[in-house]
Amino acid sequence: MPRRLSVLLVSMALAVPVVLGGAASAAELSTKAFHAKVKCAKVRISDNNAVGYVHGEGRAKTKPLAVAAAKKDANSKVGKGYRAKHCRSL
């Protein structure tokens, strides 16, 4: 590919997100986002026993990313020495 053409394509690709990003309002972005809630078992690491449940919520552009964010949120809510395991979507 000639150098001049590749520079033109790269500059066009970089310009498009700037134009689209400025045109979208906060209300439009919130309608395009996915929301997920999960319930996970709170597991004590020392003896690997479940001692309760923890809930997490997440929001992202796609459903799998929203679920991953919710799992991360749930894992951040458990204390030291515990972890969230066997999460299921609600």
PDB file of N, CA and C in Angstrom:
ATOM      1  N   MET A   1       0.845  -1.158   0.000  1.00  0.00           N
ATOM      2  CA  MET A   1       0.000   0.000   0.000  1.00  0.00           C
ATOM      3  C   MET A   1       0.903   1.236   0.000  1.00  0.00           C
ATOM      4  N   PRO A   2       0.637   2.179  -0.879  1.00  0.00           N
ATOM      5  CA  PRO A   2       1.464   3.392  -0.915  1.00  0.00           C
ATOM      6  C   PRO A   2       1.370   4.159   0.400  1.00  0.00           C
ATOM      7  N   ARG A   3       2.447   4.799   0.754  1.00  0.00           N
ATOM      8  CA  ARG A   3       2.543   5.529   2.022  1.00  0.00           C
ATOM      9  C   ARG A   3       1.470   6.613   2.125  1.00  0.00           C
ATOM     10  N   ARG A   4       1.251   7.329   1.063  1.00  0.00           N
ATOM     11  CA  ARG A   4       0.299   8.434   1.082  1.00  0.00           C
ATOM     12  C   ARG A   4      -1.124   7.915   1.366  1.00  0.00           C
ATOM     13  N   LEU A   5      -1.480   6.783   0.768  1.00  0.00           N
ATOM     14  CA  LEU A   5      -2.809   6.211   0.965  1.00  0.00           C
ATOM     15  C   LEU A   5      -2.971   5.693   2.394  1.00  0.00           C
ATOM     16  N   SER A   6      -1.948   5.061   2.941  1.00  0.00           N
ATOM     17  CA  SER A   6      -2.058   4.540   4.303  1.00  0.00           C
ATOM     18  C   SER A   6      -2.176   5.671   5.314  1.00  0.00           C
ATOM     19  N   VAL A   7      -1.472   6.789   5.088  1.00  0.00           N
ATOM     20  CA  VAL A   7      -1.579   7.941   5.989  1.00  0.00           C
ATOM     21  C   VAL A   7      -2.977   8.531   5.916  1.00  0.00           C
ATOM     22  N   LEU A   8      -3.552   8.573   4.718  1.00  0.00           N
ATOM     23  CA  LEU A   8      -4.900   9.094   4.543  1.00  0.00           C
ATOM     24  C   LEU A   8      -5.917   8.211   5.255  1.00  0.00           C
ATOM     25  N   LEU A   9      -5.792   6.890   5.123  1.00  0.00           N
ATOM     26  CA  LEU A   9      -6.719   5.976   5.773  1.00  0.00           C
ATOM     27  C   LEU A   9      -6.618   6.049   7.292  1.00  0.00           C
ATOM     28  N   VAL A  10      -5.410   6.161   7.806  1.00  0.00           N
ATOM     29  CA  VAL A  10      -5.218   6.262   9.250  1.00  0.00           C
ATOM     30  C   VAL A  10      -5.807   7.565   9.771  1.00  0.00           C
ATOM     31  N   SER A  11      -5.587   8.661   9.067  1.00  0.00           N
ATOM     32  CA  SER A  11      -6.125   9.937   9.532  1.00  0.00           C
ATOM     33  C   SER A  11      -7.644   9.943   9.472  1.00  0.00           C
ATOM     34  N   MET A  12      -8.240   9.280   8.474  1.00  0.00           N
ATOM     35  CA  MET A  12      -9.697   9.195   8.399  1.00  0.00           C
ATOM     36  C   MET A  12     -10.240   8.332   9.533  1.00  0.00           C
ATOM     37  N   ALA A  13      -9.558   7.238   9.841  1.00  0.00           N
ATOM     38  CA  ALA A  13     -10.001   6.347  10.914  1.00  0.00           C
ATOM     39  C   ALA A  13      -9.926   7.035  12.273  1.00  0.00           C
ATOM     40  N   LEU A  14      -8.931   7.881  12.458  1.00  0.00           N
ATOM     41  CA  LEU A  14      -8.796   8.594  13.720  1.00  0.00           C
ATOM     42  C   LEU A  14      -9.809   9.727  13.834  1.00  0.00           C
ATOM     43  N   ALA A  15     -10.230  10.294  12.724  1.00  0.00           N
ATOM     44  CA  ALA A  15     -11.162  11.419  12.751  1.00  0.00           C
ATOM     45  C   ALA A  15     -12.588  10.965  13.027  1.00  0.00           C
ATOM     46  N   VAL A  16     -12.956   9.770  12.602  1.00  0.00           N
ATOM     47  CA  VAL A  16     -14.341   9.308  12.741  1.00  0.00           C
ATOM     48  C   VAL A  16     -14.773   9.193  14.197  1.00  0.00           C
ATOM     49  N   PRO A  17     -13.990   8.558  15.100  1.00  0.00           N
ATOM     50  CA  PRO A  17     -14.446   8.462  16.491  1.00  0.00           C
ATOM     51  C   PRO A  17     -14.602   9.816  17.172  1.00  0.00           C
ATOM     52  N   VAL A  18     -13.800  10.781  16.794  1.00  0.00           N
ATOM     53  CA  VAL A  18     -13.900  12.104  17.399  1.00  0.00           C
ATOM     54  C   VAL A  18     -15.227  12.743  17.027  1.00  0.00           C
ATOM     55  N   VAL A  19     -15.614  12.616  15.769  1.00  0.00           N
ATOM     56  CA  VAL A  19     -16.871  13.199  15.315  1.00  0.00           C
ATOM     57  C   VAL A  19     -18.047  12.483  15.957  1.00  0.00           C
ATOM     58  N   LEU A  20     -18.034  11.154  15.969  1.00  0.00           N
ATOM     59  CA  LEU A  20     -19.133  10.392  16.544  1.00  0.00           C
ATOM     60  C   LEU A  20     -19.178  10.539  18.059  1.00  0.00           C
ATOM     61  N   GLY A  21     -18.017  10.596  18.699  1.00  0.00           N
ATOM     62  CA  GLY A  21     -17.976  10.699  20.152  1.00  0.00           C
ATOM     63  C   GLY A  21     -18.541  12.012  20.653  1.00  0.00           C
ATOM     64  N   GLY A  22     -18.341  13.087  19.924  1.00  0.00           N
ATOM     65  CA  GLY A  22     -18.854  14.380  20.340  1.00  0.00           C
ATOM     66  C   GLY A  22     -20.341  14.525  20.108  1.00  0.00           C
ATOM     67  N   ALA A  23     -20.914  13.767  19.168  1.00  0.00           N
ATOM     68  CA  ALA A  23     -22.323  13.922  18.820  1.00  0.00           C
ATOM     69  C   ALA A  23     -23.238  13.170  19.775  1.00  0.00           C
ATOM     70  N   ALA A  24     -22.775  12.155  20.452  1.00  0.00           N
ATOM     71  CA  ALA A  24     -23.624  11.342  21.323  1.00  0.00           C
ATOM     72  C   ALA A  24     -23.782  12.021  22.680  1.00  0.00           C
ATOM     73  N   SER A  25     -25.015  12.108  23.146  1.00  0.00           N
ATOM     74  CA  SER A  25     -25.267  12.700  24.453  1.00  0.00           C
ATOM     75  C   SER A  25     -25.202  11.614  25.527  1.00  0.00           C
ATOM     76  N   ALA A  26     -25.245  12.034  26.772  1.00  0.00           N
ATOM     77  CA  ALA A  26     -25.196  11.072  27.880  1.00  0.00           C
ATOM     78  C   ALA A  26     -26.435  10.182  27.891  1.00  0.00           C
ATOM     79  N   ALA A  27     -27.573  10.718  27.501  1.00  0.00           N
ATOM     80  CA  ALA A  27     -28.802   9.920  27.468  1.00  0.00           C
ATOM     81  C   ALA A  27     -28.715   8.828  26.413  1.00  0.00           C
ATOM     82  N   GLU A  28     -28.128   9.137  25.258  1.00  0.00           N
ATOM     83  CA  GLU A  28     -27.981   8.134  24.204  1.00  0.00           C
ATOM     84  C   GLU A  28     -27.024   7.034  24.629  1.00  0.00           C
ATOM     85  N   LEU A  29     -25.954   7.393  25.326  1.00  0.00           N
ATOM     86  CA  LEU A  29     -24.979   6.393  25.767  1.00  0.00           C
ATOM     87  C   LEU A  29     -25.576   5.473  26.825  1.00  0.00           C
ATOM     88  N   SER A  30     -26.423   6.008  27.698  1.00  0.00           N
ATOM     89  CA  SER A  30     -26.987   5.176  28.749  1.00  0.00           C
ATOM     90  C   SER A  30     -27.990   4.169  28.185  1.00  0.00           C
ATOM     91  N   THR A  31     -28.652   4.488  27.071  1.00  0.00           N
ATOM     92  CA  THR A  31     -29.592   3.537  26.486  1.00  0.00           C
ATOM     93  C   THR A  31     -28.873   2.431  25.737  1.00  0.00           C
ATOM     94  N   LYS A  32     -27.641   2.660  25.315  1.00  0.00           N
ATOM     95  CA  LYS A  32     -26.878   1.660  24.574  1.00  0.00           C
ATOM     96  C   LYS A  32     -26.057   0.762  25.492  1.00  0.00           C
ATOM     97  N   ALA A  33     -26.039   1.060  26.786  1.00  0.00           N
ATOM     98  CA  ALA A  33     -25.240   0.276  27.726  1.00  0.00           C
ATOM     99  C   ALA A  33     -26.070  -0.879  28.285  1.00  0.00           C
ATOM    100  N   PHE A  34     -25.386  -1.952  28.629  1.00  0.00           N
ATOM    101  CA  PHE A  34     -26.024  -3.107  29.246  1.00  0.00           C
ATOM    102  C   PHE A  34     -25.764  -3.077  30.736  1.00  0.00           C
ATOM    103  N   HIS A  35     -26.711  -3.566  31.492  1.00  0.00           N
ATOM    104  CA  HIS A  35     -26.607  -3.614  32.943  1.00  0.00           C
ATOM    105  C   HIS A  35     -26.747  -5.066  33.378  1.00  0.00           C
ATOM    106  N   ALA A  36     -25.906  -5.497  34.307  1.00  0.00           N
ATOM    107  CA  ALA A  36     -25.954  -6.882  34.769  1.00  0.00           C
ATOM    108  C   ALA A  36     -25.853  -6.914  36.292  1.00  0.00           C
ATOM    109  N   LYS A  37     -26.571  -7.858  36.881  1.00  0.00           N
ATOM    110  CA  LYS A  37     -26.494  -8.120  38.321  1.00  0.00           C
ATOM    111  C   LYS A  37     -26.124  -9.583  38.496  1.00  0.00           C
ATOM    112  N   VAL A  38     -25.238  -9.863  39.455  1.00  0.00           N
ATOM    113  CA  VAL A  38     -24.836 -11.237  39.731  1.00  0.00           C
ATOM    114  C   VAL A  38     -24.934 -11.514  41.221  1.00  0.00           C
ATOM    115  N   LYS A  39     -25.107 -12.788  41.533  1.00  0.00           N
ATOM    116  CA  LYS A  39     -25.090 -13.271  42.915  1.00  0.00           C
ATOM    117  C   LYS A  39     -24.016 -14.349  42.981  1.00  0.00           C
ATOM    118  N   CYS A  40     -23.055 -14.174  43.883  1.00  0.00           N
ATOM    119  CA  CYS A  40     -21.930 -15.101  43.984  1.00  0.00           C
ATOM    120  C   CYS A  40     -21.832 -15.659  45.397  1.00  0.00           C
ATOM    121  N   ALA A  41     -21.311 -16.847  45.484  1.00  0.00           N
ATOM    122  CA  ALA A  41     -21.021 -17.432  46.789  1.00  0.00           C
ATOM    123  C   ALA A  41     -19.773 -16.775  47.355  1.00  0.00           C
ATOM    124  N   LYS A  42     -19.826 -16.402  48.625  1.00  0.00           N
ATOM    125  CA  LYS A  42     -18.663 -15.829  49.312  1.00  0.00           C
ATOM    126  C   LYS A  42     -17.906 -16.993  49.937  1.00  0.00           C
ATOM    127  N   VAL A  43     -16.707 -17.256  49.440  1.00  0.00           N
ATOM    128  CA  VAL A  43     -15.941 -18.434  49.838  1.00  0.00           C
ATOM    129  C   VAL A  43     -14.717 -18.003  50.640  1.00  0.00           C
ATOM    130  N   ARG A  44     -14.545 -18.630  51.816  1.00  0.00           N
ATOM    131  CA  ARG A  44     -13.354 -18.400  52.632  1.00  0.00           C
ATOM    132  C   ARG A  44     -12.194 -19.161  51.995  1.00  0.00           C
ATOM    133  N   ILE A  45     -11.108 -18.485  51.720  1.00  0.00           N
ATOM    134  CA  ILE A  45      -9.979 -19.083  51.001  1.00  0.00           C
ATOM    135  C   ILE A  45      -9.271 -20.138  51.853  1.00  0.00           C
ATOM    136  N   SER A  46      -9.167 -19.924  53.157  1.00  0.00           N
ATOM    137  CA  SER A  46      -8.384 -20.823  54.015  1.00  0.00           C
ATOM    138  C   SER A  46      -8.917 -22.252  54.024  1.00  0.00           C
ATOM    139  N   ASP A  47     -10.235 -22.405  54.076  1.00  0.00           N
ATOM    140  CA  ASP A  47     -10.782 -23.758  54.103  1.00  0.00           C
ATOM    141  C   ASP A  47     -11.736 -24.044  52.938  1.00  0.00           C
ATOM    142  N   ASN A  48     -11.872 -23.105  52.022  1.00  0.00           N
ATOM    143  CA  ASN A  48     -12.679 -23.253  50.807  1.00  0.00           C
ATOM    144  C   ASN A  48     -14.150 -23.553  51.110  1.00  0.00           C
ATOM    145  N   ASN A  49     -14.668 -22.983  52.183  1.00  0.00           N
ATOM    146  CA  ASN A  49     -16.075 -23.149  52.543  1.00  0.00           C
ATOM    147  C   ASN A  49     -16.856 -21.896  52.201  1.00  0.00           C
ATOM    148  N   ALA A  50     -18.068 -22.084  51.693  1.00  0.00           N
ATOM    149  CA  ALA A  50     -18.949 -20.958  51.401  1.00  0.00           C
ATOM    150  C   ALA A  50     -19.563 -20.467  52.708  1.00  0.00           C
ATOM    151  N   VAL A  51     -19.541 -19.170  52.912  1.00  0.00           N
ATOM    152  CA  VAL A  51     -20.052 -18.596  54.157  1.00  0.00           C
ATOM    153  C   VAL A  51     -21.178 -17.600  53.912  1.00  0.00           C
ATOM    154  N   GLY A  52     -21.670 -17.495  52.704  1.00  0.00           N
ATOM    155  CA  GLY A  52     -22.755 -16.569  52.405  1.00  0.00           C
ATOM    156  C   GLY A  52     -22.737 -16.176  50.938  1.00  0.00           C
ATOM    157  N   TYR A  53     -23.434 -15.090  50.650  1.00  0.00           N
ATOM    158  CA  TYR A  53     -23.526 -14.606  49.275  1.00  0.00           C
ATOM    159  C   TYR A  53     -23.135 -13.140  49.210  1.00  0.00           C
ATOM    160  N   VAL A  54     -22.734 -12.737  48.033  1.00  0.00           N
ATOM    161  CA  VAL A  54     -22.411 -11.341  47.770  1.00  0.00           C
ATOM    162  C   VAL A  54     -22.997 -10.989  46.406  1.00  0.00           C
ATOM    163  N   HIS A  55     -23.483  -9.759  46.273  1.00  0.00           N
ATOM    164  CA  HIS A  55     -24.095  -9.301  45.034  1.00  0.00           C
ATOM    165  C   HIS A  55     -23.198  -8.261  44.376  1.00  0.00           C
ATOM    166  N   GLY A  56     -23.236  -8.227  43.052  1.00  0.00           N
ATOM    167  CA  GLY A  56     -22.476  -7.240  42.305  1.00  0.00           C
ATOM    168  C   GLY A  56     -23.274  -6.722  41.132  1.00  0.00           C
ATOM    169  N   GLU A  57     -22.950  -5.500  40.714  1.00  0.00           N
ATOM    170  CA  GLU A  57     -23.601  -4.875  39.563  1.00  0.00           C
ATOM    171  C   GLU A  57     -22.539  -4.320  38.635  1.00  0.00           C
ATOM    172  N   GLY A  58     -22.853  -4.358  37.338  1.00  0.00           N
ATOM    173  CA  GLY A  58     -21.922  -3.836  36.352  1.00  0.00           C
ATOM    174  C   GLY A  58     -22.654  -3.266  35.163  1.00  0.00           C
ATOM    175  N   ARG A  59     -22.002  -2.323  34.472  1.00  0.00           N
ATOM    176  CA  ARG A  59     -22.557  -1.684  33.284  1.00  0.00           C
ATOM    177  C   ARG A  59     -21.445  -1.579  32.248  1.00  0.00           C
ATOM    178  N   ALA A  60     -21.777  -1.935  31.000  1.00  0.00           N
ATOM    179  CA  ALA A  60     -20.788  -1.875  29.922  1.00  0.00           C
ATOM    180  C   ALA A  60     -21.506  -1.832  28.575  1.00  0.00           C
ATOM    181  N   LYS A  61     -20.719  -1.764  27.505  1.00  0.00           N
ATOM    182  CA  LYS A  61     -21.282  -1.670  26.159  1.00  0.00           C
ATOM    183  C   LYS A  61     -21.878  -2.978  25.670  1.00  0.00           C
ATOM    184  N   THR A  62     -21.391  -4.113  26.166  1.00  0.00           N
ATOM    185  CA  THR A  62     -21.922  -5.412  25.755  1.00  0.00           C
ATOM    186  C   THR A  62     -22.326  -6.200  26.993  1.00  0.00           C
ATOM    187  N   LYS A  63     -23.187  -7.184  26.797  1.00  0.00           N
ATOM    188  CA  LYS A  63     -23.671  -7.992  27.924  1.00  0.00           C
ATOM    189  C   LYS A  63     -22.531  -8.777  28.598  1.00  0.00           C
ATOM    190  N   PRO A  64     -21.654  -9.451  27.832  1.00  0.00           N
ATOM    191  CA  PRO A  64     -20.553 -10.168  28.501  1.00  0.00           C
ATOM    192  C   PRO A  64     -19.631  -9.249  29.306  1.00  0.00           C
ATOM    193  N   LEU A  65     -19.385  -8.047  28.799  1.00  0.00           N
ATOM    194  CA  LEU A  65     -18.543  -7.111  29.547  1.00  0.00           C
ATOM    195  C   LEU A  65     -19.256  -6.609  30.795  1.00  0.00           C
ATOM    196  N   ALA A  66     -20.576  -6.449  30.720  1.00  0.00           N
ATOM    197  CA  ALA A  66     -21.341  -6.025  31.887  1.00  0.00           C
ATOM    198  C   ALA A  66     -21.330  -7.100  32.965  1.00  0.00           C
ATOM    199  N   VAL A  67     -21.440  -8.365  32.570  1.00  0.00           N
ATOM    200  CA  VAL A  67     -21.390  -9.474  33.533  1.00  0.00           C
ATOM    201  C   VAL A  67     -20.004  -9.554  34.164  1.00  0.00           C
ATOM    202  N   ALA A  68     -18.967  -9.372  33.347  1.00  0.00           N
ATOM    203  CA  ALA A  68     -17.601  -9.394  33.883  1.00  0.00           C
ATOM    204  C   ALA A  68     -17.393  -8.249  34.878  1.00  0.00           C
ATOM    205  N   ALA A  69     -17.944  -7.078  34.582  1.00  0.00           N
ATOM    206  CA  ALA A  69     -17.839  -5.941  35.503  1.00  0.00           C
ATOM    207  C   ALA A  69     -18.606  -6.218  36.798  1.00  0.00           C
ATOM    208  N   ALA A  70     -19.744  -6.886  36.689  1.00  0.00           N
ATOM    209  CA  ALA A  70     -20.527  -7.227  37.878  1.00  0.00           C
ATOM    210  C   ALA A  70     -19.779  -8.238  38.751  1.00  0.00           C
ATOM    211  N   LYS A  71     -19.127  -9.220  38.128  1.00  0.00           N
ATOM    212  CA  LYS A  71     -18.335 -10.196  38.886  1.00  0.00           C
ATOM    213  C   LYS A  71     -17.166  -9.512  39.593  1.00  0.00           C
ATOM    214  N   LYS A  72     -16.547  -8.568  38.891  1.00  0.00           N
ATOM    215  CA  LYS A  72     -15.439  -7.831  39.492  1.00  0.00           C
ATOM    216  C   LYS A  72     -15.932  -7.001  40.678  1.00  0.00           C
ATOM    217  N   ASP A  73     -17.114  -6.405  40.540  1.00  0.00           N
ATOM    218  CA  ASP A  73     -17.701  -5.629  41.624  1.00  0.00           C
ATOM    219  C   ASP A  73     -17.995  -6.523  42.829  1.00  0.00           C
ATOM    220  N   ALA A  74     -18.550  -7.704  42.584  1.00  0.00           N
ATOM    221  CA  ALA A  74     -18.849  -8.640  43.670  1.00  0.00           C
ATOM    222  C   ALA A  74     -17.571  -9.071  44.380  1.00  0.00           C
ATOM    223  N   ASN A  75     -16.527  -9.341  43.614  1.00  0.00           N
ATOM    224  CA  ASN A  75     -15.264  -9.783  44.210  1.00  0.00           C
ATOM    225  C   ASN A  75     -14.608  -8.667  45.014  1.00  0.00           C
ATOM    226  N   SER A  76     -14.862  -7.416  44.623  1.00  0.00           N
ATOM    227  CA  SER A  76     -14.277  -6.302  45.373  1.00  0.00           C
ATOM    228  C   SER A  76     -15.000  -6.059  46.695  1.00  0.00           C
ATOM    229  N   LYS A  77     -16.226  -6.559  46.827  1.00  0.00           N
ATOM    230  CA  LYS A  77     -17.012  -6.349  48.043  1.00  0.00           C
ATOM    231  C   LYS A  77     -16.703  -7.348  49.151  1.00  0.00           C
ATOM    232  N   VAL A  78     -16.105  -8.485  48.824  1.00  0.00           N
ATOM    233  CA  VAL A  78     -15.762  -9.457  49.862  1.00  0.00           C
ATOM    234  C   VAL A  78     -14.492  -8.993  50.564  1.00  0.00           C
ATOM    235  N   GLY A  79     -14.345  -9.365  51.805  1.00  0.00           N
ATOM    236  CA  GLY A  79     -13.192  -8.926  52.586  1.00  0.00           C
ATOM    237  C   GLY A  79     -11.940  -9.730  52.278  1.00  0.00           C
ATOM    238  N   LYS A  80     -10.883  -9.351  52.961  1.00  0.00           N
ATOM    239  CA  LYS A  80      -9.615 -10.051  52.808  1.00  0.00           C
ATOM    240  C   LYS A  80      -9.763 -11.476  53.336  1.00  0.00           C
ATOM    241  N   GLY A  81      -9.243 -12.431  52.595  1.00  0.00           N
ATOM    242  CA  GLY A  81      -9.362 -13.827  52.993  1.00  0.00           C
ATOM    243  C   GLY A  81     -10.562 -14.525  52.376  1.00  0.00           C
ATOM    244  N   TYR A  82     -11.339 -13.805  51.570  1.00  0.00           N
ATOM    245  CA  TYR A  82     -12.515 -14.370  50.909  1.00  0.00           C
ATOM    246  C   TYR A  82     -12.450 -14.072  49.416  1.00  0.00           C
ATOM    247  N   ARG A  83     -13.278 -14.783  48.664  1.00  0.00           N
ATOM    248  CA  ARG A  83     -13.401 -14.488  47.246  1.00  0.00           C
ATOM    249  C   ARG A  83     -14.796 -14.867  46.769  1.00  0.00           C
ATOM    250  N   ALA A  84     -15.226 -14.223  45.705  1.00  0.00           N
ATOM    251  CA  ALA A  84     -16.528 -14.520  45.110  1.00  0.00           C
ATOM    252  C   ALA A  84     -16.345 -15.657  44.112  1.00  0.00           C
ATOM    253  N   LYS A  85     -17.251 -16.640  44.169  1.00  0.00           N
ATOM    254  CA  LYS A  85     -17.112 -17.816  43.320  1.00  0.00           C
ATOM    255  C   LYS A  85     -18.492 -18.270  42.882  1.00  0.00           C
ATOM    256  N   HIS A  86     -18.572 -18.956  41.752  1.00  0.00           N
ATOM    257  CA  HIS A  86     -19.819 -19.506  41.226  1.00  0.00           C
ATOM    258  C   HIS A  86     -20.889 -18.428  41.044  1.00  0.00           C
ATOM    259  N   CYS A  87     -20.525 -17.367  40.355  1.00  0.00           N
ATOM    260  CA  CYS A  87     -21.450 -16.257  40.132  1.00  0.00           C
ATOM    261  C   CYS A  87     -22.504 -16.641  39.106  1.00  0.00           C
ATOM    262  N   ARG A  88     -23.736 -16.175  39.342  1.00  0.00           N
ATOM    263  CA  ARG A  88     -24.796 -16.382  38.374  1.00  0.00           C
ATOM    264  C   ARG A  88     -25.515 -15.067  38.140  1.00  0.00           C
ATOM    265  N   SER A  89     -25.966 -14.866  36.914  1.00  0.00           N
ATOM    266  CA  SER A  89     -26.660 -13.637  36.569  1.00  0.00           C
ATOM    267  C   SER A  89     -28.072 -13.653  37.140  1.00  0.00           C
ATOM    268  N   LEU A  90     -28.525 -12.510  37.560  1.00  0.00           N
ATOM    269  CA  LEU A  90     -29.886 -12.380  38.095  1.00  0.00           C
ATOM    270  C   LEU A  90     -30.781 -11.711  37.082  1.00  0.00           C
TER     271      LEU A  90
END
